[in-house]
N, C-alpha and C. Protein backbone atom coordinates (compact mmCIF):
# COMPACT_ATOMS: atom_id res chain seq x y z
N UNK A 1 14.31 36.92 9.17
CA UNK A 1 13.67 36.77 7.97
C UNK A 1 14.74 36.39 6.88
N UNK A 2 15.74 37.21 6.38
CA UNK A 2 16.46 36.68 5.37
C UNK A 2 17.27 35.33 5.96
N UNK A 3 17.47 35.24 6.89
CA UNK A 3 18.09 33.88 7.29
C UNK A 3 17.27 32.64 7.19
N UNK A 4 15.94 33.10 7.63
CA UNK A 4 14.72 31.72 7.20
C UNK A 4 14.59 31.70 5.78
N UNK A 5 14.50 32.61 4.95
CA UNK A 5 14.07 32.66 3.44
C UNK A 5 15.45 31.89 2.93
N UNK A 6 16.47 32.39 3.34
CA UNK A 6 18.03 31.96 2.87
C UNK A 6 18.02 30.03 2.86
N UNK A 7 17.72 29.75 4.29
CA UNK A 7 17.69 28.26 4.45
C UNK A 7 16.42 27.76 4.02
N UNK A 8 15.28 28.24 3.57
CA UNK A 8 14.40 27.55 2.73
C UNK A 8 14.81 27.34 1.35
N UNK A 9 15.50 28.10 0.74
CA UNK A 9 15.89 28.05 -0.56
C UNK A 9 16.85 27.00 -0.72
N UNK A 10 17.88 26.77 0.20
CA UNK A 10 18.90 25.83 0.18
C UNK A 10 18.25 24.32 0.36
N UNK A 11 16.75 24.45 1.29
CA UNK A 11 16.45 23.21 1.62
C UNK A 11 15.39 22.80 0.30
N UNK A 12 15.08 23.80 -0.23
CA UNK A 12 14.18 23.47 -1.35
C UNK A 12 15.22 23.09 -2.73
N UNK A 13 16.30 23.58 -2.76
CA UNK A 13 17.10 22.83 -3.65
C UNK A 13 17.68 21.68 -3.56
N UNK A 14 18.07 21.62 -2.19
CA UNK A 14 18.23 19.92 -2.01
C UNK A 14 17.22 19.13 -1.89
N UNK A 15 16.12 19.39 -1.88
CA UNK A 15 14.79 18.66 -1.82
C UNK A 15 14.84 18.03 -3.66
N UNK A 16 15.01 19.27 -4.22
CA UNK A 16 14.86 19.02 -5.68
C UNK A 16 15.83 17.99 -5.91
N UNK A 17 16.93 18.44 -5.73
CA UNK A 17 18.15 17.25 -6.23
C UNK A 17 18.01 16.05 -5.60
N UNK A 18 17.58 15.79 -4.31
CA UNK A 18 17.17 14.53 -3.75
C UNK A 18 16.73 13.53 -4.67
N UNK A 19 15.68 14.10 -5.68
CA UNK A 19 14.94 13.40 -6.56
C UNK A 19 15.69 12.63 -7.74
N UNK A 20 16.98 13.05 -7.85
CA UNK A 20 17.91 12.42 -8.86
C UNK A 20 17.84 10.93 -8.80
N UNK A 21 17.43 10.50 -9.69
CA UNK A 21 17.38 9.01 -9.71
C UNK A 21 18.82 8.17 -9.85
N UNK A 22 19.68 8.78 -10.07
CA UNK A 22 21.23 8.39 -10.12
C UNK A 22 21.73 8.28 -8.93
N UNK A 23 22.26 7.32 -8.47
CA UNK A 23 22.85 7.43 -7.16
C UNK A 23 24.30 6.96 -7.20
N UNK A 24 24.85 7.47 -5.78
CA UNK A 24 26.17 7.21 -5.86
C UNK A 24 26.49 6.08 -5.03
N UNK A 25 27.87 5.25 -5.10
CA UNK A 25 28.23 4.22 -4.54
C UNK A 25 27.59 4.10 -3.16
N UNK A 26 27.17 5.30 -2.43
CA UNK A 26 26.88 5.10 -1.04
C UNK A 26 25.24 5.15 -1.05
N UNK A 27 24.71 5.31 -2.36
CA UNK A 27 23.05 5.46 -2.53
C UNK A 27 22.45 6.71 -2.19
N UNK A 28 23.57 7.69 -2.42
CA UNK A 28 22.98 9.12 -2.22
C UNK A 28 22.38 9.64 -3.44
N UNK A 29 21.74 10.59 -3.66
CA UNK A 29 21.12 11.29 -5.16
C UNK A 29 22.59 11.97 -5.42
N UNK A 30 23.04 11.80 -6.71
CA UNK A 30 24.19 12.32 -7.27
C UNK A 30 24.15 13.96 -7.42
N UNK A 31 23.08 14.45 -7.70
CA UNK A 31 23.08 16.03 -7.63
C UNK A 31 23.44 16.40 -6.34
N UNK A 32 22.38 15.69 -5.39
CA UNK A 32 22.51 16.28 -3.96
C UNK A 32 23.86 16.60 -3.30
N UNK A 33 24.47 15.48 -3.74
CA UNK A 33 25.96 15.41 -3.22
C UNK A 33 26.79 16.23 -3.88
N UNK A 34 26.47 16.57 -5.11
CA UNK A 34 27.47 17.52 -5.85
C UNK A 34 26.92 18.94 -5.49
N UNK A 35 25.61 19.46 -5.01
CA UNK A 35 25.50 20.52 -4.29
C UNK A 35 26.00 20.55 -2.96
N UNK A 36 26.03 19.61 -2.16
CA UNK A 36 26.62 19.75 -0.84
C UNK A 36 28.32 19.89 -1.43
N UNK A 37 28.79 19.25 -2.32
CA UNK A 37 30.30 19.29 -2.60
C UNK A 37 30.71 20.78 -2.73
N UNK A 38 29.88 21.21 -3.69
CA UNK A 38 29.86 22.91 -4.13
C UNK A 38 30.01 23.84 -2.82
N UNK A 39 29.00 23.41 -2.25
CA UNK A 39 28.83 24.21 -0.85
C UNK A 39 30.04 24.36 0.16
N UNK A 40 30.20 22.97 0.37
CA UNK A 40 31.76 22.92 1.24
C UNK A 40 32.79 23.38 0.79
N UNK A 41 33.04 23.21 -0.50
CA UNK A 41 34.35 23.98 -1.11
C UNK A 41 34.12 25.47 -1.23
N UNK A 42 33.03 26.09 -1.40
CA UNK A 42 32.86 27.44 -1.47
C UNK A 42 33.20 27.95 0.01
N UNK A 43 32.77 27.14 0.79
CA UNK A 43 33.14 27.39 2.34
C UNK A 43 34.57 27.64 2.67
N UNK A 44 35.45 26.73 2.20
CA UNK A 44 36.83 26.61 2.32
C UNK A 44 37.48 27.93 1.57
N UNK A 45 37.11 27.99 0.20
CA UNK A 45 37.64 28.82 -0.62
C UNK A 45 37.39 30.30 -0.15
N UNK A 46 36.13 30.61 0.10
CA UNK A 46 35.67 31.80 0.34
C UNK A 46 34.32 31.80 1.65
N UNK A 47 34.95 31.87 2.65
CA UNK A 47 34.26 31.61 3.90
C UNK A 47 33.03 32.73 3.99
N UNK A 48 33.70 34.01 3.56
CA UNK A 48 32.75 34.98 3.61
C UNK A 48 32.03 35.32 2.54
N UNK A 49 31.66 34.35 1.74
CA UNK A 49 30.78 34.55 0.40
C UNK A 49 29.49 35.01 0.60
N UNK A 50 28.80 35.78 -0.18
CA UNK A 50 27.69 36.44 0.04
C UNK A 50 26.60 35.52 -0.11
N UNK A 51 25.31 35.61 0.53
CA UNK A 51 24.05 34.88 0.51
C UNK A 51 23.85 34.51 -0.82
N UNK A 52 23.76 35.25 -1.95
CA UNK A 52 23.42 34.95 -3.25
C UNK A 52 24.40 34.24 -3.87
N UNK A 53 25.63 34.44 -3.62
CA UNK A 53 26.61 33.39 -4.31
C UNK A 53 26.65 31.78 -3.62
N UNK A 54 26.08 31.89 -2.55
CA UNK A 54 25.92 30.62 -1.84
C UNK A 54 24.60 29.98 -2.32
N UNK A 55 23.87 30.51 -2.62
CA UNK A 55 22.57 29.84 -3.34
C UNK A 55 22.89 29.59 -4.86
N UNK A 56 23.51 30.40 -5.47
CA UNK A 56 24.10 29.99 -6.86
C UNK A 56 24.80 29.11 -7.03
N UNK A 57 25.91 28.89 -6.02
CA UNK A 57 26.68 27.61 -5.99
C UNK A 57 25.87 26.39 -5.44
N UNK A 58 24.92 26.44 -4.68
CA UNK A 58 24.26 25.28 -4.25
C UNK A 58 23.25 24.77 -5.46
N UNK A 59 22.84 25.74 -6.27
CA UNK A 59 21.63 25.43 -7.22
C UNK A 59 22.17 25.35 -8.80
N UNK A 60 23.46 25.28 -8.71
CA UNK A 60 24.09 25.50 -10.31
C UNK A 60 23.63 24.19 -11.15
N UNK A 61 23.70 23.25 -10.48
CA UNK A 61 23.42 21.90 -11.17
C UNK A 61 22.02 21.25 -10.93
N UNK A 62 20.83 22.13 -10.37
CA UNK A 62 19.85 21.85 -10.22
C UNK A 62 19.07 20.91 -10.84
N UNK A 63 18.39 19.77 -10.71
CA UNK A 63 17.94 18.87 -11.39
C UNK A 63 18.45 18.69 -12.85
N UNK A 64 20.01 18.49 -12.78
CA UNK A 64 20.47 18.48 -14.10
C UNK A 64 20.23 17.14 -14.89
N UNK A 65 20.12 16.16 -14.13
CA UNK A 65 19.73 14.76 -14.71
C UNK A 65 18.49 14.76 -15.70
N UNK A 66 17.81 15.68 -15.43
CA UNK A 66 16.24 15.98 -16.41
C UNK A 66 16.86 16.34 -17.88
N UNK A 67 18.12 16.65 -18.27
CA UNK A 67 18.63 16.95 -19.18
C UNK A 67 19.79 16.53 -19.72
N UNK A 68 19.77 14.81 -19.95
CA UNK A 68 21.09 14.44 -20.02
C UNK A 68 22.16 14.78 -21.29
N UNK A 69 23.18 14.92 -21.03
CA UNK A 69 24.12 15.26 -22.33
C UNK A 69 23.63 14.20 -23.82
N UNK A 70 23.42 12.83 -23.53
CA UNK A 70 23.10 12.26 -24.61
C UNK A 70 21.65 12.45 -25.71
N UNK A 71 20.96 13.66 -24.81
CA UNK A 71 19.82 13.96 -25.62
C UNK A 71 20.03 15.14 -26.47
N UNK A 72 21.40 15.42 -26.72
CA UNK A 72 21.85 16.54 -27.97
C UNK A 72 22.61 15.84 -28.67
N UNK A 73 23.03 16.26 -30.02
CA UNK A 73 23.89 15.77 -30.76
C UNK A 73 25.23 15.60 -30.34
N UNK A 74 26.15 14.71 -30.76
CA UNK A 74 27.43 14.47 -30.41
C UNK A 74 28.19 15.84 -30.73
N UNK A 75 29.57 16.00 -30.51
CA UNK A 75 30.11 17.00 -31.15
C UNK A 75 30.10 18.44 -30.20
N UNK A 76 31.22 19.15 -30.56
CA UNK A 76 31.28 20.52 -29.74
C UNK A 76 30.04 21.37 -30.12
N UNK A 77 29.15 21.44 -31.08
CA UNK A 77 28.01 22.27 -31.32
C UNK A 77 26.83 21.78 -30.25
N UNK A 78 26.80 20.38 -30.02
CA UNK A 78 25.76 19.79 -29.50
C UNK A 78 26.14 19.97 -28.12
N UNK A 79 27.25 19.87 -27.75
CA UNK A 79 28.04 20.10 -26.29
C UNK A 79 27.43 21.52 -25.91
N UNK A 80 27.84 22.28 -26.73
CA UNK A 80 27.68 23.89 -26.39
C UNK A 80 26.48 24.39 -26.05
N UNK A 81 25.32 23.66 -27.13
CA UNK A 81 24.04 23.82 -26.97
C UNK A 81 23.40 23.29 -25.76
N UNK A 82 23.83 22.11 -25.30
CA UNK A 82 23.22 21.36 -23.90
C UNK A 82 23.88 22.47 -22.88
N UNK A 83 24.81 22.76 -22.93
CA UNK A 83 25.60 23.73 -21.55
C UNK A 83 24.59 24.85 -21.80
N UNK A 84 24.54 25.74 -22.84
CA UNK A 84 23.71 26.79 -22.67
C UNK A 84 22.39 26.50 -21.98
N UNK A 85 21.76 25.87 -22.83
CA UNK A 85 20.41 25.53 -22.42
C UNK A 85 20.26 25.18 -20.94
N UNK A 86 21.21 24.26 -20.45
CA UNK A 86 21.17 24.13 -18.99
C UNK A 86 21.40 25.13 -18.04
N UNK A 87 22.35 26.07 -18.47
CA UNK A 87 22.52 27.28 -17.47
C UNK A 87 21.21 27.99 -17.49
N UNK A 88 20.62 27.97 -18.62
CA UNK A 88 19.27 28.69 -18.65
C UNK A 88 18.07 28.00 -17.87
N UNK A 89 18.20 26.87 -17.69
CA UNK A 89 17.08 26.09 -16.74
C UNK A 89 17.37 25.95 -15.50
N UNK A 90 18.73 26.07 -15.11
CA UNK A 90 19.14 25.92 -13.59
C UNK A 90 18.81 27.33 -13.13
N UNK A 91 19.29 28.58 -13.75
CA UNK A 91 18.95 29.91 -13.59
C UNK A 91 17.23 30.02 -13.20
N UNK A 92 16.74 29.31 -14.08
CA UNK A 92 15.07 29.60 -13.96
C UNK A 92 14.73 28.72 -12.92
N UNK A 93 15.03 27.56 -12.75
CA UNK A 93 14.53 26.88 -11.63
C UNK A 93 14.94 27.38 -10.04
N UNK A 94 16.10 27.87 -9.88
CA UNK A 94 16.71 28.73 -8.91
C UNK A 94 15.80 29.80 -8.56
N UNK A 95 15.56 30.44 -9.63
CA UNK A 95 14.85 31.72 -9.37
C UNK A 95 13.38 31.35 -8.96
N UNK A 96 12.77 30.75 -9.90
CA UNK A 96 11.52 30.05 -8.84
C UNK A 96 11.29 29.69 -7.71
N UNK A 97 12.49 29.08 -6.84
CA UNK A 97 12.39 28.62 -5.78
C UNK A 97 12.67 29.96 -4.80
N UNK A 98 13.84 30.92 -5.33
CA UNK A 98 13.77 32.20 -4.58
C UNK A 98 12.62 33.17 -4.49
N UNK A 99 11.79 33.22 -5.71
CA UNK A 99 10.83 33.60 -5.52
C UNK A 99 9.46 33.12 -4.67
N UNK A 100 9.65 32.09 -4.69
CA UNK A 100 8.61 31.41 -3.51
C UNK A 100 9.00 31.98 -2.33
N UNK A 101 10.31 31.98 -2.14
CA UNK A 101 10.88 32.25 -0.73
C UNK A 101 10.91 33.65 -0.50
N UNK A 102 10.54 34.55 -1.10
CA UNK A 102 10.22 36.06 -1.02
C UNK A 102 11.47 36.89 -1.36
N UNK A 103 12.32 36.29 -2.36
CA UNK A 103 13.69 37.27 -2.89
C UNK A 103 12.90 38.01 -4.02
N UNK A 104 13.40 39.19 -3.85
CA UNK A 104 13.23 40.04 -5.03
C UNK A 104 13.56 39.67 -6.36
N UNK A 105 13.12 40.49 -7.18
CA UNK A 105 13.68 40.26 -8.70
C UNK A 105 15.49 40.54 -9.09
N UNK A 106 15.76 41.47 -8.33
CA UNK A 106 16.97 41.98 -8.45
C UNK A 106 17.92 41.00 -8.02
N UNK A 107 17.66 40.23 -6.70
CA UNK A 107 18.31 39.01 -6.35
C UNK A 107 18.45 38.07 -7.21
N UNK A 108 17.10 37.75 -7.69
CA UNK A 108 16.87 36.64 -8.38
C UNK A 108 17.64 36.78 -9.72
N UNK A 109 17.77 37.80 -10.16
CA UNK A 109 18.59 38.13 -11.53
C UNK A 109 20.06 38.00 -11.18
N UNK A 110 20.47 38.43 -10.07
CA UNK A 110 21.96 38.49 -9.64
C UNK A 110 22.34 36.95 -9.67
N UNK A 111 21.62 35.87 -9.01
CA UNK A 111 21.82 34.65 -8.95
C UNK A 111 21.79 34.04 -10.26
N UNK A 112 20.72 34.60 -11.08
CA UNK A 112 20.83 33.73 -12.51
C UNK A 112 22.45 34.21 -13.25
N UNK A 113 22.45 35.52 -13.09
CA UNK A 113 23.81 35.84 -13.96
C UNK A 113 25.14 35.20 -13.43
N UNK A 114 24.93 34.34 -12.16
CA UNK A 114 26.15 34.02 -11.47
C UNK A 114 26.05 32.36 -12.20
N UNK A 115 25.01 31.90 -12.07
CA UNK A 115 24.65 30.63 -12.58
C UNK A 115 25.11 30.53 -13.88
N UNK A 116 24.80 31.48 -14.66
CA UNK A 116 25.16 31.52 -16.14
C UNK A 116 26.56 31.89 -16.21
N UNK A 117 27.10 32.32 -15.28
CA UNK A 117 28.70 32.83 -15.19
C UNK A 117 29.11 33.76 -16.41
N UNK A 118 28.11 34.86 -16.17
CA UNK A 118 28.14 36.05 -17.15
C UNK A 118 29.51 36.80 -16.50
N UNK A 119 29.96 37.41 -17.76
CA UNK A 119 31.20 38.31 -17.19
C UNK A 119 32.12 37.67 -16.40
N UNK A 120 32.51 36.54 -16.77
CA UNK A 120 33.28 35.69 -15.60
C UNK A 120 34.68 36.28 -15.42
N UNK A 121 35.28 36.65 -16.25
CA UNK A 121 36.49 37.60 -16.04
C UNK A 121 36.46 38.87 -15.27
N UNK A 122 35.21 39.27 -15.34
CA UNK A 122 34.99 40.59 -14.65
C UNK A 122 34.10 40.66 -13.38
N UNK A 123 33.67 39.73 -13.11
CA UNK A 123 32.70 39.36 -11.86
C UNK A 123 33.40 38.56 -10.75
N UNK A 124 33.92 38.93 -9.73
CA UNK A 124 34.77 38.14 -8.79
C UNK A 124 33.75 37.13 -8.37
N UNK A 125 32.61 37.33 -8.00
CA UNK A 125 31.58 36.17 -7.63
C UNK A 125 31.52 35.06 -8.64
N UNK A 126 31.23 35.61 -9.73
CA UNK A 126 31.17 34.45 -11.06
C UNK A 126 32.75 33.65 -10.89
N UNK A 127 33.76 34.16 -10.92
CA UNK A 127 34.93 33.75 -10.70
C UNK A 127 35.08 32.71 -9.65
N UNK A 128 34.41 32.98 -8.45
CA UNK A 128 34.67 32.26 -7.28
C UNK A 128 33.86 31.10 -7.52
N UNK A 129 32.63 31.33 -8.16
CA UNK A 129 31.62 29.93 -8.58
C UNK A 129 32.48 29.08 -9.51
N UNK A 130 33.06 29.53 -10.48
CA UNK A 130 34.02 29.00 -11.63
C UNK A 130 35.13 28.09 -10.85
N UNK A 131 35.75 28.82 -10.11
CA UNK A 131 36.82 28.21 -9.15
C UNK A 131 36.40 27.14 -8.56
N UNK A 132 35.36 27.10 -7.69
CA UNK A 132 34.66 26.18 -6.98
C UNK A 132 34.24 24.90 -7.67
N UNK A 133 33.56 25.00 -9.03
CA UNK A 133 33.34 24.10 -9.80
C UNK A 133 34.30 23.41 -10.64
N UNK A 134 35.55 23.85 -10.66
CA UNK A 134 36.60 23.40 -11.09
C UNK A 134 37.31 22.36 -9.99
N UNK A 135 37.28 23.21 -9.10
CA UNK A 135 37.90 22.32 -7.94
C UNK A 135 37.24 21.10 -7.40
N UNK A 136 36.06 21.39 -7.35
CA UNK A 136 34.89 20.14 -7.07
C UNK A 136 35.32 19.11 -8.28
N UNK A 137 35.21 19.29 -9.33
CA UNK A 137 35.69 18.47 -10.55
C UNK A 137 36.73 17.83 -10.37
N UNK A 138 37.95 18.31 -10.04
CA UNK A 138 39.19 18.22 -9.91
C UNK A 138 39.34 16.84 -8.55
N UNK A 139 38.76 17.20 -7.72
CA UNK A 139 38.81 16.54 -6.62
C UNK A 139 37.86 15.34 -6.62
N UNK A 140 36.95 15.38 -6.81
CA UNK A 140 35.72 14.50 -7.10
C UNK A 140 35.45 13.40 -8.43
N UNK A 141 35.56 14.08 -9.53
CA UNK A 141 34.91 13.53 -10.55
C UNK A 141 36.22 13.35 -11.77
N UNK A 142 37.16 14.25 -11.54
CA UNK A 142 38.29 13.96 -12.74
C UNK A 142 38.77 12.64 -12.91
N UNK A 143 39.32 11.98 -11.84
CA UNK A 143 39.90 10.63 -11.96
C UNK A 143 39.09 9.61 -12.75
N UNK A 144 37.90 9.97 -12.22
CA UNK A 144 36.80 8.60 -13.15
C UNK A 144 36.60 9.38 -14.73
N UNK A 145 36.53 10.27 -14.63
CA UNK A 145 36.01 11.04 -15.95
C UNK A 145 37.56 10.89 -16.90
N UNK A 146 38.66 11.00 -16.41
CA UNK A 146 39.95 10.91 -17.47
C UNK A 146 39.84 9.41 -17.90
N UNK A 147 39.46 8.57 -17.29
CA UNK A 147 39.60 6.99 -17.84
C UNK A 147 38.73 6.96 -19.06
N UNK A 148 37.91 7.62 -19.32
CA UNK A 148 37.01 7.79 -20.49
C UNK A 148 37.65 8.21 -21.92
N UNK A 149 38.73 8.83 -21.54
CA UNK A 149 39.39 9.57 -23.00
C UNK A 149 41.12 9.28 -22.87
N UNK A 150 41.45 9.51 -23.84
CA UNK A 150 43.22 9.30 -23.97
C UNK A 150 43.69 10.55 -23.18
N UNK A 151 45.18 10.30 -22.97
CA UNK A 151 45.70 11.45 -22.20
C UNK A 151 45.84 12.72 -23.00
N UNK A 152 45.95 12.65 -24.38
CA UNK A 152 46.12 14.13 -24.96
C UNK A 152 44.96 14.62 -24.85
N UNK A 153 43.68 14.19 -25.14
CA UNK A 153 42.39 14.68 -24.91
C UNK A 153 42.30 15.27 -23.17
N UNK A 154 42.42 14.59 -22.36
CA UNK A 154 42.30 14.97 -21.06
C UNK A 154 43.34 16.05 -20.82
N UNK A 155 44.46 15.99 -21.33
CA UNK A 155 45.49 17.17 -20.80
C UNK A 155 44.83 18.81 -21.35
N UNK A 156 44.09 18.27 -22.71
CA UNK A 156 43.69 19.51 -23.50
C UNK A 156 42.46 20.13 -22.37
N UNK A 157 41.67 19.06 -21.94
CA UNK A 157 40.56 19.65 -21.27
C UNK A 157 40.97 20.01 -19.98
N UNK A 158 42.11 19.80 -19.37
CA UNK A 158 42.42 20.12 -18.08
C UNK A 158 43.33 21.68 -18.38
N UNK A 159 43.77 22.14 -19.44
CA UNK A 159 44.35 23.05 -19.84
C UNK A 159 43.08 24.18 -20.07
N UNK A 160 42.11 23.59 -20.70
CA UNK A 160 41.17 24.73 -20.56
C UNK A 160 40.40 25.10 -19.22
N UNK A 161 40.00 24.03 -18.38
CA UNK A 161 39.68 24.04 -16.94
C UNK A 161 40.72 25.02 -16.45
N UNK A 162 41.98 24.63 -16.48
CA UNK A 162 43.00 25.68 -15.64
C UNK A 162 42.67 27.25 -16.28
N UNK A 163 42.69 27.32 -17.36
CA UNK A 163 42.43 28.80 -17.90
C UNK A 163 41.25 29.66 -17.42
N UNK A 164 40.29 29.07 -17.12
CA UNK A 164 39.27 29.44 -16.49
C UNK A 164 39.21 29.97 -15.04
N UNK A 165 40.22 29.26 -14.56
CA UNK A 165 40.44 29.65 -13.07
C UNK A 165 41.03 30.90 -12.44
N UNK A 166 41.13 31.30 -11.33
CA UNK A 166 41.68 32.59 -10.84
C UNK A 166 43.01 31.89 -10.08
N UNK A 167 44.13 32.81 -9.67
CA UNK A 167 45.04 32.23 -8.89
C UNK A 167 44.89 31.67 -7.71
N UNK A 168 43.83 32.15 -7.05
CA UNK A 168 43.36 31.54 -5.68
C UNK A 168 42.70 30.36 -6.12
N UNK A 169 41.95 29.82 -6.97
CA UNK A 169 41.54 28.61 -7.70
C UNK A 169 42.96 27.70 -7.83
N UNK A 170 43.63 28.19 -8.58
CA UNK A 170 44.82 27.51 -9.03
C UNK A 170 45.57 26.98 -7.63
N UNK A 171 45.71 27.58 -6.68
CA UNK A 171 46.49 27.43 -5.36
C UNK A 171 45.57 26.41 -4.81
N UNK A 172 44.33 26.61 -4.89
CA UNK A 172 43.55 25.49 -3.94
C UNK A 172 43.51 24.19 -4.85
N UNK A 173 43.61 24.09 -6.28
CA UNK A 173 43.49 23.05 -7.01
C UNK A 173 44.86 22.33 -6.73
N UNK A 174 46.00 22.87 -6.74
CA UNK A 174 47.37 22.38 -6.62
C UNK A 174 47.51 21.80 -5.33
N UNK A 175 46.43 22.26 -4.43
CA UNK A 175 46.89 21.57 -2.85
C UNK A 175 45.87 20.24 -2.83
N UNK A 176 45.19 20.03 -3.84
CA UNK A 176 44.26 18.70 -3.62
C UNK A 176 45.03 17.46 -3.82
N UNK A 177 44.67 16.33 -3.03
CA UNK A 177 45.22 15.04 -2.93
C UNK A 177 44.64 14.12 -3.94
N UNK A 178 45.49 13.84 -5.16
CA UNK A 178 44.53 13.32 -6.29
C UNK A 178 45.33 12.00 -6.36
N UNK A 179 44.74 10.87 -7.15
CA UNK A 179 45.42 9.70 -7.33
C UNK A 179 46.46 9.79 -8.15
N UNK A 180 47.52 8.93 -8.41
CA UNK A 180 48.69 9.13 -8.96
C UNK A 180 48.33 9.48 -10.58
N UNK A 181 47.34 8.88 -11.39
CA UNK A 181 47.43 8.94 -12.64
C UNK A 181 46.97 10.26 -12.74
N UNK A 182 45.80 10.89 -12.15
CA UNK A 182 45.09 12.09 -12.20
C UNK A 182 46.11 13.03 -12.01
N UNK A 183 46.95 13.10 -10.91
CA UNK A 183 47.94 13.89 -10.54
C UNK A 183 49.13 14.21 -11.69
N UNK A 184 49.42 13.08 -12.47
CA UNK A 184 50.18 13.12 -13.16
C UNK A 184 49.78 13.71 -14.60
N UNK A 185 48.49 13.55 -15.11
CA UNK A 185 47.82 14.03 -16.11
C UNK A 185 47.59 15.59 -15.75
N UNK A 186 47.51 16.10 -14.67
CA UNK A 186 47.40 17.52 -14.11
C UNK A 186 48.83 18.16 -14.51
N UNK A 187 50.08 17.39 -14.01
CA UNK A 187 51.12 17.93 -14.07
C UNK A 187 51.71 18.12 -15.51
N UNK A 188 51.22 17.18 -16.35
CA UNK A 188 51.54 17.31 -17.70
C UNK A 188 50.61 18.53 -18.43
N UNK A 189 49.39 18.70 -17.92
CA UNK A 189 48.66 19.89 -18.54
C UNK A 189 49.26 20.99 -18.13
N UNK A 190 50.08 21.44 -17.03
CA UNK A 190 50.39 22.77 -16.40
C UNK A 190 51.66 22.71 -17.10
N UNK A 191 52.60 21.68 -17.39
CA UNK A 191 53.76 21.95 -18.14
C UNK A 191 53.94 22.56 -19.32
N UNK A 192 52.65 22.64 -19.91
CA UNK A 192 52.31 23.49 -21.30
C UNK A 192 51.50 24.75 -21.19
N UNK A 193 51.03 24.76 -19.90
CA UNK A 193 49.99 25.81 -19.84
C UNK A 193 50.53 27.01 -19.41
N UNK A 194 50.18 28.23 -20.01
CA UNK A 194 50.64 29.57 -19.26
C UNK A 194 49.97 29.77 -18.29
N UNK A 195 50.62 30.87 -17.21
CA UNK A 195 49.92 31.33 -15.88
C UNK A 195 49.78 29.87 -15.00
N UNK A 196 50.87 29.26 -14.48
CA UNK A 196 50.59 28.29 -13.86
C UNK A 196 50.48 28.54 -12.66
N UNK A 197 50.63 30.12 -12.02
CA UNK A 197 50.44 30.15 -10.63
C UNK A 197 49.22 31.15 -10.40
């Protein structure tokens, strides 16, 4: 029963994300690909991850395209409002899917807390989710993202990203094979970042 409802939740998340109108170069839905990358990276970083963490990882960007960044004001205040409302939206949508599959309110609340990354530094599973998200960003999106900003801004973003990660996340990130410019920016960021290992 548990395996069946777990599979049903993952399938429903993937189905929702397959409706993303944005497409990759290969013609796949952007958020569907993101969710699969998150799941794959979790499998590498924490192969014994709990069922609830696996759901949170797969669904943390569910239907993200419905709330684009440019629908909020520019600047830090607008960005933080967008991020906070997105976390609530993602948690609610995954919770609806879990409820439909037969999960109880305690499990749904736990996944919601993980998606919101509550108590990040005190909750090992929330930290693992953050590590996975940072690794997926660095491996798959950072090189393209970095082209939109000057090096100083990118280095600042990298330092903030690094500070959110655990030592295990750092080790996994340092093992990534990145394009030369991206690797150089990471190296520059870490040269001035505390706790590099």
